[in-house]
Amino acid sequence: MEELIAKKYIKALNAGSDLATMQTVSDVFSVLADSFKDDKFVSIIANPHVNASDKSAILLDAVKSAESEQINNLIKLLVENKRINIIPAIASELKKDIANSTKTYEGIIYSDSDIDAKVITELSTGLNNKFNSTIALTFVKNDFNGIKVEVVGLGIEINFSKDRIDSQMIEHIIKAI
């Protein structure tokens, strides 16, 4: 639900902004979204006894360094409409919107064994060519028995599970017999 509301605000921002401005807004809102991970901050912002002007002052002070009237107006509008809680959703949707505009995405490679940087580069290059985008891959070691590549922005998930390959080979051998 928050994502749908956030998209409406982003659509309004997009109407009068260029890509550089949107990137600045995204950076500012990403920092604000990180503030929502702090329990003290959330307790102040969510507290019904703190009036809207104080909440607005706190948020405007946090974004003062951006020196953007557009960001200040958006913060005031969010406070006025009691939509402060969607700031993390706005940050997330802004990142997605910018990624789609620039065709630049981030992906993660999961595996239980170490993967060489050359292999990561080759996977990235192959995906770049396949999807006509720029995809930066990072490696995360976990307990997945195989290799899994995930690019959330494009909705891509590719995995090669050792267990699945083993079971398919056994199934194929049984059919052959």
N, C-alpha and C. Protein backbone atom coordinates (compact mmCIF):
# COMPACT_ATOMS: atom_id res chain seq x y z
N MET A 1 0.82 -1.19 0.00
CA MET A 1 0.00 0.00 0.00
C MET A 1 0.87 1.26 0.00
N GLU A 2 1.91 1.25 0.86
CA GLU A 2 2.79 2.42 0.93
C GLU A 2 3.48 2.68 -0.40
N GLU A 3 3.81 1.59 -1.11
CA GLU A 3 4.50 1.73 -2.40
C GLU A 3 3.61 2.46 -3.41
N LEU A 4 2.32 2.16 -3.39
CA LEU A 4 1.40 2.82 -4.32
C LEU A 4 1.30 4.31 -4.03
N ILE A 5 1.24 4.65 -2.75
CA ILE A 5 1.18 6.07 -2.38
C ILE A 5 2.50 6.75 -2.74
N ALA A 6 3.61 6.07 -2.46
CA ALA A 6 4.93 6.63 -2.77
C ALA A 6 5.07 6.89 -4.27
N LYS A 7 4.56 5.99 -5.09
CA LYS A 7 4.66 6.16 -6.55
C LYS A 7 3.95 7.42 -7.03
N LYS A 8 2.85 7.79 -6.37
CA LYS A 8 2.13 9.01 -6.76
C LYS A 8 2.98 10.25 -6.48
N TYR A 9 3.65 10.26 -5.33
CA TYR A 9 4.53 11.38 -5.02
C TYR A 9 5.71 11.42 -5.99
N ILE A 10 6.25 10.27 -6.32
CA ILE A 10 7.39 10.19 -7.24
C ILE A 10 6.98 10.65 -8.64
N LYS A 11 5.77 10.28 -9.05
CA LYS A 11 5.28 10.70 -10.36
C LYS A 11 5.20 12.22 -10.43
N ALA A 12 4.75 12.84 -9.35
CA ALA A 12 4.68 14.30 -9.31
C ALA A 12 6.09 14.91 -9.34
N LEU A 13 7.03 14.29 -8.64
CA LEU A 13 8.41 14.76 -8.66
C LEU A 13 9.01 14.65 -10.06
N ASN A 14 8.75 13.53 -10.72
CA ASN A 14 9.29 13.27 -12.06
C ASN A 14 8.81 14.30 -13.08
N ALA A 15 7.59 14.76 -12.89
CA ALA A 15 6.99 15.67 -13.87
C ALA A 15 7.80 16.95 -14.05
N GLY A 16 8.39 17.44 -12.98
CA GLY A 16 9.11 18.70 -13.10
C GLY A 16 10.59 18.60 -12.81
N SER A 17 11.18 17.42 -12.98
CA SER A 17 12.58 17.24 -12.60
C SER A 17 13.36 16.49 -13.66
N ASP A 18 14.66 16.78 -13.68
CA ASP A 18 15.55 16.01 -14.55
C ASP A 18 16.17 14.87 -13.73
N LEU A 19 16.97 14.06 -14.39
CA LEU A 19 17.55 12.88 -13.75
C LEU A 19 18.48 13.24 -12.60
N ALA A 20 19.28 14.29 -12.77
CA ALA A 20 20.21 14.70 -11.71
C ALA A 20 19.46 15.13 -10.45
N THR A 21 18.37 15.85 -10.64
CA THR A 21 17.56 16.28 -9.49
C THR A 21 16.94 15.07 -8.81
N MET A 22 16.45 14.14 -9.60
CA MET A 22 15.86 12.93 -9.02
C MET A 22 16.90 12.13 -8.25
N GLN A 23 18.13 12.10 -8.74
CA GLN A 23 19.21 11.39 -8.05
C GLN A 23 19.50 12.06 -6.70
N THR A 24 19.49 13.38 -6.67
CA THR A 24 19.70 14.11 -5.42
C THR A 24 18.58 13.82 -4.43
N VAL A 25 17.35 13.86 -4.91
CA VAL A 25 16.20 13.57 -4.06
C VAL A 25 16.30 12.14 -3.53
N SER A 26 16.70 11.22 -4.39
CA SER A 26 16.84 9.82 -3.98
C SER A 26 17.90 9.67 -2.89
N ASP A 27 19.02 10.35 -3.05
CA ASP A 27 20.08 10.27 -2.04
C ASP A 27 19.61 10.81 -0.70
N VAL A 28 18.91 11.93 -0.72
CA VAL A 28 18.41 12.53 0.52
C VAL A 28 17.39 11.61 1.18
N PHE A 29 16.48 11.07 0.39
CA PHE A 29 15.45 10.20 0.97
C PHE A 29 16.03 8.86 1.43
N SER A 30 17.11 8.41 0.82
CA SER A 30 17.77 7.20 1.30
C SER A 30 18.35 7.42 2.69
N VAL A 31 18.94 8.58 2.90
CA VAL A 31 19.48 8.91 4.23
C VAL A 31 18.33 9.03 5.24
N LEU A 32 17.25 9.68 4.83
CA LEU A 32 16.09 9.78 5.72
C LEU A 32 15.52 8.40 6.04
N ALA A 33 15.47 7.53 5.04
CA ALA A 33 14.95 6.18 5.25
C ALA A 33 15.82 5.42 6.25
N ASP A 34 17.12 5.64 6.20
CA ASP A 34 18.02 5.00 7.17
C ASP A 34 17.71 5.47 8.59
N SER A 35 17.25 6.70 8.73
CA SER A 35 16.88 7.22 10.05
C SER A 35 15.72 6.43 10.65
N PHE A 36 14.88 5.88 9.79
CA PHE A 36 13.73 5.12 10.27
C PHE A 36 14.13 3.77 10.87
N LYS A 37 15.40 3.41 10.75
CA LYS A 37 15.90 2.18 11.38
C LYS A 37 16.26 2.43 12.85
N ASP A 38 16.32 3.70 13.24
CA ASP A 38 16.64 4.08 14.61
C ASP A 38 15.34 4.16 15.42
N ASP A 39 15.25 3.37 16.48
CA ASP A 39 14.03 3.31 17.28
C ASP A 39 13.69 4.65 17.93
N LYS A 40 14.69 5.40 18.36
CA LYS A 40 14.43 6.70 18.98
C LYS A 40 13.78 7.65 17.98
N PHE A 41 14.32 7.67 16.77
CA PHE A 41 13.78 8.54 15.73
C PHE A 41 12.33 8.17 15.42
N VAL A 42 12.08 6.89 15.27
CA VAL A 42 10.72 6.42 14.95
C VAL A 42 9.76 6.77 16.09
N SER A 43 10.22 6.62 17.33
CA SER A 43 9.32 6.92 18.46
C SER A 43 8.96 8.41 18.50
N ILE A 44 9.90 9.27 18.10
CA ILE A 44 9.60 10.71 18.06
C ILE A 44 8.65 11.03 16.91
N ILE A 45 8.96 10.49 15.73
CA ILE A 45 8.15 10.79 14.54
C ILE A 45 6.74 10.20 14.65
N ALA A 46 6.63 9.03 15.26
CA ALA A 46 5.33 8.36 15.36
C ALA A 46 4.52 8.82 16.58
N ASN A 47 5.14 9.57 17.46
CA ASN A 47 4.48 10.01 18.68
C ASN A 47 3.37 11.01 18.37
N PRO A 48 2.13 10.70 18.76
CA PRO A 48 1.02 11.61 18.48
C PRO A 48 1.08 12.90 19.32
N HIS A 49 1.88 12.90 20.39
CA HIS A 49 1.99 14.08 21.25
C HIS A 49 2.97 15.12 20.69
N VAL A 50 3.78 14.72 19.70
CA VAL A 50 4.68 15.66 19.03
C VAL A 50 3.89 16.27 17.88
N ASN A 51 3.77 17.60 17.89
CA ASN A 51 2.93 18.23 16.86
C ASN A 51 3.62 18.22 15.50
N ALA A 52 2.81 18.45 14.48
CA ALA A 52 3.28 18.35 13.09
C ALA A 52 4.39 19.35 12.78
N SER A 53 4.32 20.54 13.36
CA SER A 53 5.36 21.53 13.07
C SER A 53 6.72 21.09 13.62
N ASP A 54 6.72 20.42 14.78
CA ASP A 54 7.98 19.91 15.33
C ASP A 54 8.53 18.77 14.46
N LYS A 55 7.64 17.90 14.01
CA LYS A 55 8.08 16.81 13.12
C LYS A 55 8.64 17.38 11.83
N SER A 56 7.96 18.38 11.31
CA SER A 56 8.42 19.03 10.08
C SER A 56 9.79 19.67 10.30
N ALA A 57 9.97 20.34 11.44
CA ALA A 57 11.25 20.99 11.74
C ALA A 57 12.37 19.96 11.84
N ILE A 58 12.10 18.83 12.47
CA ILE A 58 13.11 17.76 12.59
C ILE A 58 13.52 17.26 11.22
N LEU A 59 12.53 16.96 10.38
CA LEU A 59 12.83 16.43 9.05
C LEU A 59 13.50 17.48 8.15
N LEU A 60 13.03 18.72 8.22
CA LEU A 60 13.63 19.78 7.40
C LEU A 60 15.06 20.06 7.82
N ASP A 61 15.32 19.96 9.12
CA ASP A 61 16.69 20.14 9.60
C ASP A 61 17.59 19.02 9.09
N ALA A 62 17.03 17.82 8.97
CA ALA A 62 17.81 16.67 8.48
C ALA A 62 18.17 16.82 7.01
N VAL A 63 17.34 17.51 6.24
CA VAL A 63 17.59 17.65 4.79
C VAL A 63 18.10 19.04 4.41
N LYS A 64 18.43 19.85 5.41
CA LYS A 64 18.87 21.22 5.16
C LYS A 64 20.09 21.28 4.24
N SER A 65 21.01 20.33 4.37
CA SER A 65 22.24 20.37 3.57
C SER A 65 21.98 20.20 2.08
N ALA A 66 20.85 19.62 1.71
CA ALA A 66 20.53 19.43 0.28
C ALA A 66 20.20 20.76 -0.39
N GLU A 67 19.77 21.74 0.39
CA GLU A 67 19.42 23.06 -0.13
C GLU A 67 18.49 22.97 -1.34
N SER A 68 17.42 22.20 -1.17
CA SER A 68 16.48 22.00 -2.27
C SER A 68 15.07 22.38 -1.81
N GLU A 69 14.52 23.35 -2.48
CA GLU A 69 13.16 23.78 -2.17
C GLU A 69 12.17 22.66 -2.48
N GLN A 70 12.47 21.90 -3.51
CA GLN A 70 11.60 20.79 -3.91
C GLN A 70 11.53 19.73 -2.80
N ILE A 71 12.67 19.39 -2.23
CA ILE A 71 12.71 18.40 -1.14
C ILE A 71 11.99 18.96 0.08
N ASN A 72 12.25 20.23 0.41
CA ASN A 72 11.59 20.85 1.56
C ASN A 72 10.07 20.84 1.39
N ASN A 73 9.60 21.18 0.20
CA ASN A 73 8.16 21.19 -0.05
C ASN A 73 7.56 19.79 0.06
N LEU A 74 8.30 18.79 -0.43
CA LEU A 74 7.81 17.41 -0.33
C LEU A 74 7.72 16.98 1.13
N ILE A 75 8.73 17.32 1.92
CA ILE A 75 8.71 16.98 3.35
C ILE A 75 7.51 17.65 4.03
N LYS A 76 7.30 18.93 3.75
CA LYS A 76 6.16 19.65 4.34
C LYS A 76 4.84 19.01 3.93
N LEU A 77 4.73 18.61 2.68
CA LEU A 77 3.52 17.96 2.18
C LEU A 77 3.28 16.62 2.87
N LEU A 78 4.34 15.85 3.05
CA LEU A 78 4.22 14.55 3.73
C LEU A 78 3.78 14.74 5.18
N VAL A 79 4.34 15.72 5.86
CA VAL A 79 3.96 15.99 7.25
C VAL A 79 2.51 16.45 7.31
N GLU A 80 2.14 17.35 6.41
CA GLU A 80 0.78 17.89 6.37
C GLU A 80 -0.26 16.79 6.15
N ASN A 81 0.07 15.84 5.29
CA ASN A 81 -0.86 14.75 4.97
C ASN A 81 -0.69 13.52 5.86
N LYS A 82 0.14 13.66 6.90
CA LYS A 82 0.40 12.56 7.85
C LYS A 82 0.91 11.31 7.13
N ARG A 83 1.87 11.53 6.23
CA ARG A 83 2.43 10.44 5.44
C ARG A 83 3.95 10.28 5.67
N ILE A 84 4.41 10.71 6.82
CA ILE A 84 5.85 10.62 7.11
C ILE A 84 6.32 9.17 7.06
N ASN A 85 5.46 8.26 7.46
CA ASN A 85 5.84 6.84 7.51
C ASN A 85 6.14 6.23 6.15
N ILE A 86 5.82 6.91 5.05
CA ILE A 86 6.12 6.34 3.73
C ILE A 86 7.47 6.80 3.18
N ILE A 87 8.22 7.55 3.96
CA ILE A 87 9.54 8.01 3.49
C ILE A 87 10.44 6.84 3.07
N PRO A 88 10.52 5.75 3.84
CA PRO A 88 11.33 4.61 3.36
C PRO A 88 10.82 4.04 2.04
N ALA A 89 9.51 4.00 1.86
CA ALA A 89 8.94 3.50 0.60
C ALA A 89 9.26 4.45 -0.54
N ILE A 90 9.24 5.74 -0.28
CA ILE A 90 9.60 6.72 -1.31
C ILE A 90 11.05 6.53 -1.72
N ALA A 91 11.93 6.33 -0.73
CA ALA A 91 13.35 6.12 -1.03
C ALA A 91 13.55 4.88 -1.89
N SER A 92 12.87 3.81 -1.54
CA SER A 92 12.98 2.56 -2.29
C SER A 92 12.45 2.70 -3.71
N GLU A 93 11.30 3.32 -3.85
CA GLU A 93 10.70 3.49 -5.17
C GLU A 93 11.50 4.46 -6.04
N LEU A 94 12.11 5.47 -5.42
CA LEU A 94 12.96 6.39 -6.17
C LEU A 94 14.16 5.65 -6.76
N LYS A 95 14.76 4.77 -5.94
CA LYS A 95 15.90 3.99 -6.44
C LYS A 95 15.48 3.13 -7.63
N LYS A 96 14.32 2.49 -7.52
CA LYS A 96 13.82 1.65 -8.61
C LYS A 96 13.55 2.49 -9.86
N ASP A 97 12.94 3.64 -9.67
CA ASP A 97 12.60 4.52 -10.79
C ASP A 97 13.86 5.01 -11.51
N ILE A 98 14.86 5.40 -10.75
CA ILE A 98 16.12 5.85 -11.35
C ILE A 98 16.83 4.70 -12.04
N ALA A 99 16.81 3.52 -11.43
CA ALA A 99 17.42 2.34 -12.05
C ALA A 99 16.75 2.03 -13.38
N ASN A 100 15.44 2.12 -13.43
CA ASN A 100 14.73 1.87 -14.69
C ASN A 100 15.02 2.93 -15.73
N SER A 101 15.17 4.18 -15.30
CA SER A 101 15.47 5.27 -16.23
C SER A 101 16.86 5.14 -16.83
N THR A 102 17.82 4.77 -16.00
CA THR A 102 19.21 4.68 -16.46
C THR A 102 19.60 3.28 -16.90
N LYS A 103 18.69 2.32 -16.71
CA LYS A 103 18.95 0.91 -17.01
C LYS A 103 20.21 0.42 -16.28
N THR A 104 20.34 0.82 -15.03
CA THR A 104 21.45 0.41 -14.19
C THR A 104 20.87 -0.31 -12.98
N TYR A 105 21.27 -1.56 -12.81
CA TYR A 105 20.71 -2.38 -11.75
C TYR A 105 21.82 -3.01 -10.91
N GLU A 106 21.45 -3.43 -9.72
CA GLU A 106 22.38 -4.13 -8.84
C GLU A 106 21.85 -5.53 -8.62
N GLY A 107 22.76 -6.49 -8.63
CA GLY A 107 22.39 -7.87 -8.41
C GLY A 107 23.29 -8.52 -7.39
N ILE A 108 22.85 -9.66 -6.90
CA ILE A 108 23.60 -10.39 -5.88
C ILE A 108 23.79 -11.83 -6.35
N ILE A 109 25.00 -12.34 -6.16
CA ILE A 109 25.31 -13.73 -6.44
C ILE A 109 25.44 -14.43 -5.10
N TYR A 110 24.66 -15.50 -4.91
CA TYR A 110 24.73 -16.29 -3.68
C TYR A 110 25.35 -17.63 -4.00
N SER A 111 26.24 -18.09 -3.12
CA SER A 111 26.83 -19.41 -3.29
C SER A 111 27.50 -19.82 -1.99
N ASP A 112 27.65 -21.15 -1.81
CA ASP A 112 28.35 -21.65 -0.63
C ASP A 112 29.86 -21.75 -0.85
N SER A 113 30.29 -21.61 -2.09
CA SER A 113 31.73 -21.64 -2.39
C SER A 113 32.15 -20.29 -2.96
N ASP A 114 33.43 -19.98 -2.81
CA ASP A 114 33.94 -18.70 -3.31
C ASP A 114 33.89 -18.66 -4.83
N ILE A 115 33.59 -17.49 -5.37
CA ILE A 115 33.53 -17.30 -6.82
C ILE A 115 34.58 -16.27 -7.20
N ASP A 116 35.35 -16.59 -8.22
CA ASP A 116 36.42 -15.73 -8.71
C ASP A 116 35.84 -14.42 -9.27
N ALA A 117 36.57 -13.34 -9.11
CA ALA A 117 36.13 -12.02 -9.60
C ALA A 117 35.94 -12.04 -11.12
N LYS A 118 36.74 -12.84 -11.82
CA LYS A 118 36.62 -12.95 -13.28
C LYS A 118 35.27 -13.56 -13.66
N VAL A 119 34.84 -14.57 -12.91
CA VAL A 119 33.55 -15.21 -13.17
C VAL A 119 32.41 -14.22 -12.91
N ILE A 120 32.53 -13.44 -11.85
CA ILE A 120 31.51 -12.44 -11.55
C ILE A 120 31.42 -11.41 -12.68
N THR A 121 32.58 -10.99 -13.18
CA THR A 121 32.62 -10.04 -14.30
C THR A 121 31.98 -10.64 -15.55
N GLU A 122 32.28 -11.91 -15.83
CA GLU A 122 31.70 -12.57 -17.01
C GLU A 122 30.18 -12.70 -16.88
N LEU A 123 29.71 -13.06 -15.68
CA LEU A 123 28.26 -13.14 -15.45
C LEU A 123 27.61 -11.77 -15.65
N SER A 124 28.25 -10.75 -15.12
CA SER A 124 27.73 -9.39 -15.26
C SER A 124 27.68 -8.97 -16.72
N THR A 125 28.74 -9.26 -17.47
CA THR A 125 28.79 -8.91 -18.89
C THR A 125 27.72 -9.65 -19.67
N GLY A 126 27.54 -10.93 -19.38
CA GLY A 126 26.52 -11.72 -20.06
C GLY A 126 25.12 -11.18 -19.80
N LEU A 127 24.85 -10.84 -18.54
CA LEU A 127 23.54 -10.28 -18.20
C LEU A 127 23.35 -8.90 -18.82
N ASN A 128 24.43 -8.11 -18.85
CA ASN A 128 24.36 -6.78 -19.49
C ASN A 128 23.93 -6.91 -20.95
N ASN A 129 24.54 -7.85 -21.66
CA ASN A 129 24.22 -8.05 -23.07
C ASN A 129 22.81 -8.60 -23.25
N LYS A 130 22.44 -9.54 -22.42
CA LYS A 130 21.13 -10.20 -22.54
C LYS A 130 19.98 -9.21 -22.30
N PHE A 131 20.13 -8.34 -21.29
CA PHE A 131 19.04 -7.46 -20.91
C PHE A 131 19.25 -6.01 -21.32
N ASN A 132 20.31 -5.76 -22.11
CA ASN A 132 20.60 -4.42 -22.61
C ASN A 132 20.59 -3.39 -21.48
N SER A 133 21.28 -3.74 -20.40
CA SER A 133 21.35 -2.90 -19.21
C SER A 133 22.74 -2.99 -18.61
N THR A 134 22.98 -2.17 -17.61
CA THR A 134 24.22 -2.27 -16.85
C THR A 134 23.87 -2.90 -15.51
N ILE A 135 24.44 -4.06 -15.26
CA ILE A 135 24.14 -4.80 -14.03
C ILE A 135 25.44 -5.01 -13.26
N ALA A 136 25.48 -4.47 -12.06
CA ALA A 136 26.64 -4.65 -11.18
C ALA A 136 26.31 -5.77 -10.20
N LEU A 137 27.13 -6.80 -10.20
CA LEU A 137 26.90 -7.95 -9.33
C LEU A 137 27.86 -7.94 -8.15
N THR A 138 27.33 -8.31 -6.99
CA THR A 138 28.16 -8.48 -5.80
C THR A 138 27.97 -9.90 -5.29
N PHE A 139 29.02 -10.43 -4.67
CA PHE A 139 29.00 -11.81 -4.19
C PHE A 139 28.68 -11.85 -2.71
N VAL A 140 27.76 -12.75 -2.33
CA VAL A 140 27.43 -12.98 -0.93
C VAL A 140 27.54 -14.48 -0.68
N LYS A 141 28.41 -14.84 0.25
CA LYS A 141 28.58 -16.25 0.57
C LYS A 141 27.52 -16.66 1.59
N ASN A 142 26.79 -17.72 1.25
CA ASN A 142 25.79 -18.25 2.17
C ASN A 142 25.72 -19.77 2.01
N ASP A 143 24.68 -20.39 2.53
CA ASP A 143 24.61 -21.85 2.53
C ASP A 143 23.87 -22.43 1.32
N PHE A 144 23.64 -21.64 0.26
CA PHE A 144 22.96 -22.15 -0.93
C PHE A 144 23.88 -23.12 -1.66
N ASN A 145 23.43 -24.33 -1.88
CA ASN A 145 24.23 -25.39 -2.49
C ASN A 145 24.18 -25.26 -4.02
N GLY A 146 24.96 -24.33 -4.54
CA GLY A 146 24.99 -24.06 -5.97
C GLY A 146 25.29 -22.58 -6.17
N ILE A 147 24.76 -22.03 -7.26
CA ILE A 147 24.93 -20.61 -7.54
C ILE A 147 23.56 -20.01 -7.84
N LYS A 148 23.30 -18.86 -7.24
CA LYS A 148 22.03 -18.17 -7.48
C LYS A 148 22.34 -16.71 -7.77
N VAL A 149 21.83 -16.20 -8.89
CA VAL A 149 22.01 -14.81 -9.28
C VAL A 149 20.64 -14.14 -9.21
N GLU A 150 20.57 -13.03 -8.50
CA GLU A 150 19.30 -12.34 -8.31
C GLU A 150 19.46 -10.86 -8.63
N VAL A 151 18.63 -10.37 -9.56
CA VAL A 151 18.59 -8.94 -9.89
C VAL A 151 17.14 -8.52 -9.68
N VAL A 152 16.88 -7.97 -8.50
CA VAL A 152 15.51 -7.66 -8.10
C VAL A 152 14.87 -6.60 -9.01
N GLY A 153 15.63 -5.58 -9.40
CA GLY A 153 15.10 -4.51 -10.24
C GLY A 153 14.54 -4.98 -11.56
N LEU A 154 15.11 -6.07 -12.09
CA LEU A 154 14.64 -6.63 -13.36
C LEU A 154 13.73 -7.85 -13.16
N GLY A 155 13.60 -8.29 -11.93
CA GLY A 155 12.80 -9.47 -11.65
C GLY A 155 13.46 -10.75 -12.13
N ILE A 156 14.79 -10.79 -12.08
CA ILE A 156 15.54 -11.96 -12.56
C ILE A 156 16.04 -12.77 -11.38
N GLU A 157 15.85 -14.07 -11.47
CA GLU A 157 16.46 -14.99 -10.52
C GLU A 157 16.89 -16.23 -11.30
N ILE A 158 18.19 -16.47 -11.32
CA ILE A 158 18.74 -17.63 -12.01
C ILE A 158 19.46 -18.46 -10.97
N ASN A 159 19.15 -19.76 -10.90
CA ASN A 159 19.92 -20.56 -9.96
C ASN A 159 20.26 -21.92 -10.52
N PHE A 160 21.42 -22.36 -10.13
CA PHE A 160 21.92 -23.67 -10.50
C PHE A 160 22.18 -24.41 -9.19
N SER A 161 21.25 -25.25 -8.81
CA SER A 161 21.36 -25.98 -7.56
C SER A 161 22.00 -27.34 -7.82
N LYS A 162 23.03 -27.65 -7.05
CA LYS A 162 23.70 -28.94 -7.19
C LYS A 162 22.72 -30.08 -6.88
N ASP A 163 21.89 -29.88 -5.87
CA ASP A 163 20.91 -30.90 -5.50
C ASP A 163 19.93 -31.17 -6.63
N ARG A 164 19.45 -30.10 -7.28
CA ARG A 164 18.49 -30.26 -8.37
C ARG A 164 19.12 -30.95 -9.57
N ILE A 165 20.36 -30.58 -9.88
CA ILE A 165 21.06 -31.22 -11.00
C ILE A 165 21.26 -32.70 -10.71
N ASP A 166 21.65 -33.03 -9.47
CA ASP A 166 21.83 -34.43 -9.10
C ASP A 166 20.53 -35.21 -9.24
N SER A 167 19.43 -34.64 -8.76
CA SER A 167 18.15 -35.35 -8.83
C SER A 167 17.69 -35.50 -10.28
N GLN A 168 17.96 -34.51 -11.13
CA GLN A 168 17.58 -34.61 -12.54
C GLN A 168 18.42 -35.67 -13.25
N MET A 169 19.69 -35.78 -12.90
CA MET A 169 20.54 -36.81 -13.50
C MET A 169 20.05 -38.20 -13.10
N ILE A 170 19.71 -38.38 -11.83
CA ILE A 170 19.19 -39.67 -11.36
C ILE A 170 17.89 -39.99 -12.07
N GLU A 171 17.02 -39.01 -12.19
CA GLU A 171 15.74 -39.20 -12.87
C GLU A 171 15.95 -39.59 -14.33
N HIS A 172 16.89 -38.94 -14.99
CA HIS A 172 17.20 -39.24 -16.39
C HIS A 172 17.77 -40.65 -16.54
N ILE A 173 18.63 -41.05 -15.63
CA ILE A 173 19.21 -42.41 -15.67
C ILE A 173 18.12 -43.45 -15.46
N ILE A 174 17.22 -43.19 -14.53
CA ILE A 174 16.13 -44.13 -14.26
C ILE A 174 15.23 -44.27 -15.49
N LYS A 175 14.94 -43.17 -16.17
CA LYS A 175 14.12 -43.22 -17.37
C LYS A 175 14.83 -44.00 -18.47
N ALA A 176 16.14 -43.87 -18.54
CA ALA A 176 16.91 -44.57 -19.57
C ALA A 176 16.92 -46.08 -19.33
N ILE A 177 16.83 -46.48 -18.09
CA ILE A 177 16.84 -47.91 -17.76
C ILE A 177 15.48 -48.45 -18.06
